[in-house]
Amino acid sequence: MTLRLTWSQLGYVNKAFWRNPPRAFFTFVFPLMFLVIFTSLLGNDVVHLRGMTVKLSTYYVPAMGTFGVISACYNNIAMGISFQRDAGVLKRVHGTPLPSSAFLCSQVLHAMLVALLLLVVTAIFGRTAYGAHIPAGSALVDCIIMLLVGGAAFCALGLAITAVIPNADASPAVVNASILPLLFLSGIFIPFTDNTPSWILWVARIFPIKHFAAGMQAAFIGSAFHWSDVAVVAVWGVGGLLVARRFFSWEPRV
């Protein structure tokens, strides 16, 4: 019963997303826009990555794919849930026969589907415009594993961060303040070099973004795939889930 209701609710969430063209448009445009900007500025340079020399135009394809997945799963979940909570939608849903798990799972599943589509679009664009490699074989399997684990983890973290978002108006500021610095500190926008300060490398190893990006790089660039990266992302996801379970609120904040 719960599975059927989750599937049905997923259909409603999906319709609401695509019936809001500006939201859908900019969700998909942002990663591609950054990909074009960074490759236009730095695409002819190279970066040394795990013993490999990689053109930055190639490097930025999995990097912007990573950014797109995080935006779809973390940013959209956190801000969307905050707006629904402030508007009283969550309170009304919580008072209906629809199981809470079905409602939240539908939100997470939709975010992960959008993340998958974003990654596919980014890969096709990168292949067409920059000749980037598209994962196949074992690399594709690694990519799918990291996408599933990473997407679920960032959705859980998105639900967790709603505990500290006081209202819908504050959600963009809180979400961007919590994720943008880590995107820079994890080598998403600016790749690490031999001159990167050691404290930045240390911070990057703590948080899940660098590990998630490493999994994407292994699939798209051919660097080594490490299960330790999957484990770190999974641990953060479990932590986010525990925080969300303890502090998630269906009531608007006063």
Protein backbone atom coordinates (compact mmCIF):
# COMPACT_ATOMS: atom_id res chain seq x y z
CA MET A 1 0.00 0.00 0.00
CA THR A 2 2.72 2.48 1.00
CA LEU A 3 4.71 1.65 -2.13
CA ARG A 4 1.66 2.27 -4.34
CA LEU A 5 0.95 5.58 -2.61
CA THR A 6 4.59 6.60 -2.96
CA TRP A 7 4.46 5.90 -6.70
CA SER A 8 1.21 7.83 -7.04
CA GLN A 9 2.60 10.79 -5.07
CA LEU A 10 5.74 10.71 -7.20
CA GLY A 11 3.55 11.31 -10.23
CA TYR A 12 2.07 14.42 -8.63
CA VAL A 13 5.50 15.75 -7.65
CA ASN A 14 6.79 15.16 -11.16
CA LYS A 15 3.82 16.96 -12.75
CA ALA A 16 4.24 19.92 -10.40
CA PHE A 17 7.93 20.17 -11.35
CA TRP A 18 7.43 20.13 -15.12
CA ARG A 19 4.41 22.43 -14.94
CA ASN A 20 6.69 25.10 -13.49
CA PRO A 21 8.82 25.79 -16.59
CA PRO A 22 11.14 28.42 -15.05
CA ARG A 23 12.07 26.06 -12.21
CA ALA A 24 12.69 23.14 -14.55
CA PHE A 25 14.57 25.31 -17.06
CA PHE A 26 17.03 26.82 -14.60
CA THR A 27 17.54 23.50 -12.80
CA PHE A 28 19.00 22.13 -16.02
CA VAL A 29 20.60 25.30 -17.34
CA PHE A 30 22.78 26.17 -14.34
CA PRO A 31 25.20 23.21 -14.59
CA LEU A 32 25.50 23.60 -18.36
CA MET A 33 26.00 27.34 -18.03
CA PHE A 34 28.83 26.86 -15.53
CA LEU A 35 30.31 24.14 -17.74
CA VAL A 36 30.45 26.53 -20.71
CA ILE A 37 31.83 29.39 -18.61
CA PHE A 38 34.61 27.40 -16.95
CA THR A 39 35.64 25.56 -20.10
CA SER A 40 35.68 28.85 -22.04
CA LEU A 41 37.95 30.42 -19.44
CA LEU A 42 40.17 27.46 -18.57
CA GLY A 43 39.39 24.68 -21.01
CA ASN A 44 42.81 24.65 -22.72
CA ASP A 45 44.68 24.22 -19.43
CA VAL A 46 45.42 20.87 -17.81
CA VAL A 47 45.15 19.52 -14.29
CA HIS A 48 47.02 16.63 -12.68
CA LEU A 49 44.47 14.28 -11.16
CA ARG A 50 45.49 11.08 -9.32
CA GLY A 51 48.52 10.57 -11.54
CA MET A 52 46.72 11.59 -14.73
CA THR A 53 47.02 14.72 -16.83
CA VAL A 54 43.53 15.85 -17.82
CA LYS A 55 42.32 18.80 -19.89
CA LEU A 56 40.14 21.11 -17.85
CA SER A 57 37.42 20.92 -20.49
CA THR A 58 37.24 17.20 -19.68
CA TYR A 59 37.62 17.76 -15.93
CA TYR A 60 34.64 20.10 -15.75
CA VAL A 61 32.16 17.62 -17.25
CA PRO A 62 32.04 15.32 -14.17
CA ALA A 63 32.55 18.37 -11.93
CA MET A 64 29.43 20.08 -13.27
CA GLY A 65 27.62 16.74 -13.25
CA THR A 66 28.45 16.57 -9.54
CA PHE A 67 27.21 20.13 -9.08
CA GLY A 68 23.96 19.28 -10.88
CA VAL A 69 23.27 16.23 -8.72
CA ILE A 70 23.93 18.18 -5.52
CA SER A 71 21.70 21.03 -6.69
CA ALA A 72 18.86 18.65 -7.53
CA CYS A 73 19.13 16.58 -4.36
CA TYR A 74 20.39 18.92 -1.65
CA ASN A 75 19.39 22.44 -2.72
CA ASN A 76 16.01 21.60 -4.23
CA ILE A 77 14.96 19.27 -1.41
CA ALA A 78 15.99 21.72 1.33
CA MET A 79 14.40 24.79 -0.24
CA GLY A 80 11.33 22.98 -1.57
CA ILE A 81 10.51 21.38 1.78
CA SER A 82 11.07 24.70 3.57
CA PHE A 83 8.66 26.52 1.26
CA GLN A 84 6.04 23.77 1.61
CA ARG A 85 6.44 23.82 5.39
CA ASP A 86 6.01 27.61 5.54
CA ALA A 87 2.95 27.47 3.28
CA GLY A 88 1.32 24.90 5.52
CA VAL A 89 1.45 22.16 2.89
CA LEU A 90 3.42 19.79 5.10
CA LYS A 91 1.00 20.28 7.99
CA ARG A 92 -1.99 19.53 5.77
CA VAL A 93 -0.30 16.48 4.23
CA HIS A 94 0.63 15.21 7.68
CA GLY A 95 -3.06 15.31 8.61
CA THR A 96 -4.17 13.16 5.68
CA PRO A 97 -4.18 9.34 5.39
CA LEU A 98 -1.12 9.57 3.13
CA PRO A 99 1.81 8.04 5.08
CA SER A 100 4.55 10.53 5.90
CA SER A 101 7.12 8.11 4.51
CA ALA A 102 5.29 8.01 1.16
CA PHE A 103 5.29 11.78 0.87
CA LEU A 104 8.97 12.20 1.75
CA CYS A 105 10.08 9.23 -0.36
CA SER A 106 8.28 10.70 -3.37
CA GLN A 107 10.20 13.95 -2.90
CA VAL A 108 13.50 12.08 -2.65
CA LEU A 109 12.79 9.80 -5.62
CA HIS A 110 11.83 12.76 -7.80
CA ALA A 111 15.01 14.62 -6.82
CA MET A 112 17.10 11.58 -7.72
CA LEU A 113 15.33 11.18 -11.07
CA VAL A 114 16.04 14.83 -11.87
CA ALA A 115 19.65 14.30 -10.78
CA LEU A 116 19.96 11.32 -13.12
CA LEU A 117 18.52 13.31 -16.02
CA LEU A 118 20.85 16.21 -15.22
CA LEU A 119 23.86 13.92 -15.27
CA VAL A 120 22.81 12.41 -18.59
CA VAL A 121 22.25 15.83 -20.16
CA THR A 122 25.61 17.08 -18.88
CA ALA A 123 27.38 13.98 -20.19
CA ILE A 124 25.80 14.29 -23.64
CA PHE A 125 26.58 18.01 -23.79
CA GLY A 126 30.16 17.37 -22.67
CA ARG A 127 30.58 14.65 -25.27
CA THR A 128 29.12 16.78 -28.06
CA ALA A 129 30.87 20.06 -27.23
CA TYR A 130 34.18 18.90 -25.74
CA GLY A 131 34.63 15.27 -26.77
CA ALA A 132 34.40 14.10 -23.18
CA HIS A 133 34.25 10.39 -22.40
CA ILE A 134 30.87 8.85 -21.53
CA PRO A 135 31.06 6.01 -18.97
CA ALA A 136 30.54 2.47 -20.25
CA GLY A 137 30.99 -1.01 -18.89
CA SER A 138 32.38 -1.20 -15.34
CA ALA A 139 32.81 2.60 -15.27
CA LEU A 140 29.08 3.00 -15.89
CA VAL A 141 28.33 0.61 -13.03
CA ASP A 142 30.62 2.62 -10.74
CA CYS A 143 28.89 5.81 -11.85
CA ILE A 144 25.43 4.40 -11.12
CA ILE A 145 26.51 3.17 -7.68
CA MET A 146 27.97 6.54 -6.75
CA LEU A 147 24.94 8.36 -8.16
CA LEU A 148 22.50 6.26 -6.13
CA VAL A 149 24.48 6.55 -2.91
CA GLY A 150 25.33 10.22 -3.45
CA GLY A 151 21.84 11.24 -4.54
CA ALA A 152 20.25 9.55 -1.52
CA ALA A 153 22.87 11.02 0.82
CA PHE A 154 22.44 14.60 -0.40
CA CYS A 155 18.65 14.24 -0.22
CA ALA A 156 19.00 13.14 3.40
CA LEU A 157 21.29 16.08 4.11
CA GLY A 158 18.78 18.38 2.43
CA LEU A 159 16.06 17.13 4.76
CA ALA A 160 18.42 17.52 7.72
CA ILE A 161 19.31 21.14 6.95
CA THR A 162 15.63 22.10 7.09
CA ALA A 163 15.95 21.74 10.86
CA VAL A 164 18.00 24.96 11.00
CA ILE A 165 16.09 26.90 8.33
CA PRO A 166 13.77 29.25 10.25
CA ASN A 167 11.44 30.12 7.35
CA ALA A 168 11.07 29.95 3.59
CA ASP A 169 12.58 33.40 3.02
CA ALA A 170 15.78 32.31 4.74
CA SER A 171 16.08 28.98 2.93
CA PRO A 172 18.09 30.18 -0.13
CA ALA A 173 20.58 31.98 2.12
CA VAL A 174 21.00 29.07 4.53
CA VAL A 175 21.25 26.42 1.80
CA ASN A 176 23.72 28.39 -0.34
CA ALA A 177 25.81 29.33 2.70
CA SER A 178 26.05 25.67 3.68
CA ILE A 179 26.95 24.31 0.25
CA LEU A 180 28.70 26.95 -1.89
CA PRO A 181 31.87 27.26 0.23
CA LEU A 182 32.21 23.46 0.25
CA LEU A 183 31.85 23.32 -3.54
CA PHE A 184 34.86 25.63 -3.83
CA LEU A 185 36.76 23.83 -1.06
CA SER A 186 36.11 20.45 -2.73
CA GLY A 187 37.58 21.32 -6.12
CA ILE A 188 34.32 21.49 -8.03
CA PHE A 189 34.71 24.98 -9.47
CA ILE A 190 38.48 25.35 -9.12
CA PRO A 191 40.52 22.12 -9.41
CA PHE A 192 43.18 21.34 -6.86
CA THR A 193 46.82 21.83 -7.87
CA ASP A 194 50.19 21.26 -6.22
CA ASN A 195 49.85 24.76 -4.73
CA THR A 196 46.53 24.11 -3.04
CA PRO A 197 46.86 24.84 0.71
CA SER A 198 46.95 21.72 2.84
CA TRP A 199 44.10 22.93 5.05
CA ILE A 200 41.78 23.02 2.03
CA LEU A 201 42.72 19.44 1.15
CA TRP A 202 42.09 18.46 4.77
CA VAL A 203 38.64 20.08 4.79
CA ALA A 204 37.77 18.47 1.45
CA ARG A 205 38.51 14.99 2.83
CA ILE A 206 36.08 15.50 5.71
CA PHE A 207 32.99 16.43 3.73
CA PRO A 208 31.18 14.25 1.16
CA ILE A 209 31.37 16.49 -1.92
CA LYS A 210 35.01 15.72 -2.76
CA HIS A 211 34.41 11.99 -2.38
CA PHE A 212 31.29 12.11 -4.51
CA ALA A 213 33.17 14.09 -7.18
CA ALA A 214 35.97 11.51 -7.08
CA GLY A 215 33.46 8.79 -7.94
CA MET A 216 32.15 10.82 -10.86
CA GLN A 217 35.70 11.51 -12.05
CA ALA A 218 36.52 7.80 -11.95
CA ALA A 219 33.59 7.12 -14.26
CA PHE A 220 34.09 9.98 -16.69
CA ILE A 221 37.86 10.45 -16.69
CA GLY A 222 39.13 6.98 -15.90
CA SER A 223 40.85 7.68 -12.58
CA ALA A 224 40.82 5.01 -9.88
CA PHE A 225 37.47 4.22 -8.26
CA HIS A 226 37.69 3.84 -4.49
CA TRP A 227 34.97 2.26 -2.36
CA SER A 228 36.19 4.41 0.51
CA ASP A 229 34.72 7.42 -1.34
CA VAL A 230 31.36 5.64 -1.51
CA ALA A 231 31.62 4.81 2.20
CA VAL A 232 32.29 8.41 3.23
CA VAL A 233 29.32 9.68 1.21
CA ALA A 234 27.11 6.93 2.66
CA VAL A 235 28.13 7.77 6.23
CA TRP A 236 27.21 11.41 5.68
CA GLY A 237 23.89 10.28 4.24
CA VAL A 238 23.12 8.12 7.26
CA GLY A 239 24.05 11.02 9.53
CA GLY A 240 21.74 13.34 7.61
CA LEU A 241 18.94 10.79 7.83
CA LEU A 242 19.34 10.47 11.60
CA VAL A 243 19.29 14.25 12.05
CA ALA A 244 16.25 14.58 9.80
CA ARG A 245 14.42 11.83 11.67
CA ARG A 246 15.07 13.56 14.98
CA PHE A 247 14.52 17.21 14.09
CA PHE A 248 12.35 17.29 10.95
CA SER A 249 9.25 19.44 11.50
CA TRP A 250 5.92 19.31 9.67
CA GLU A 251 4.74 22.49 11.35
CA PRO A 252 5.57 26.02 10.13
CA ARG A 253 8.18 27.74 12.24
CA VAL A 254 6.82 30.54 14.39
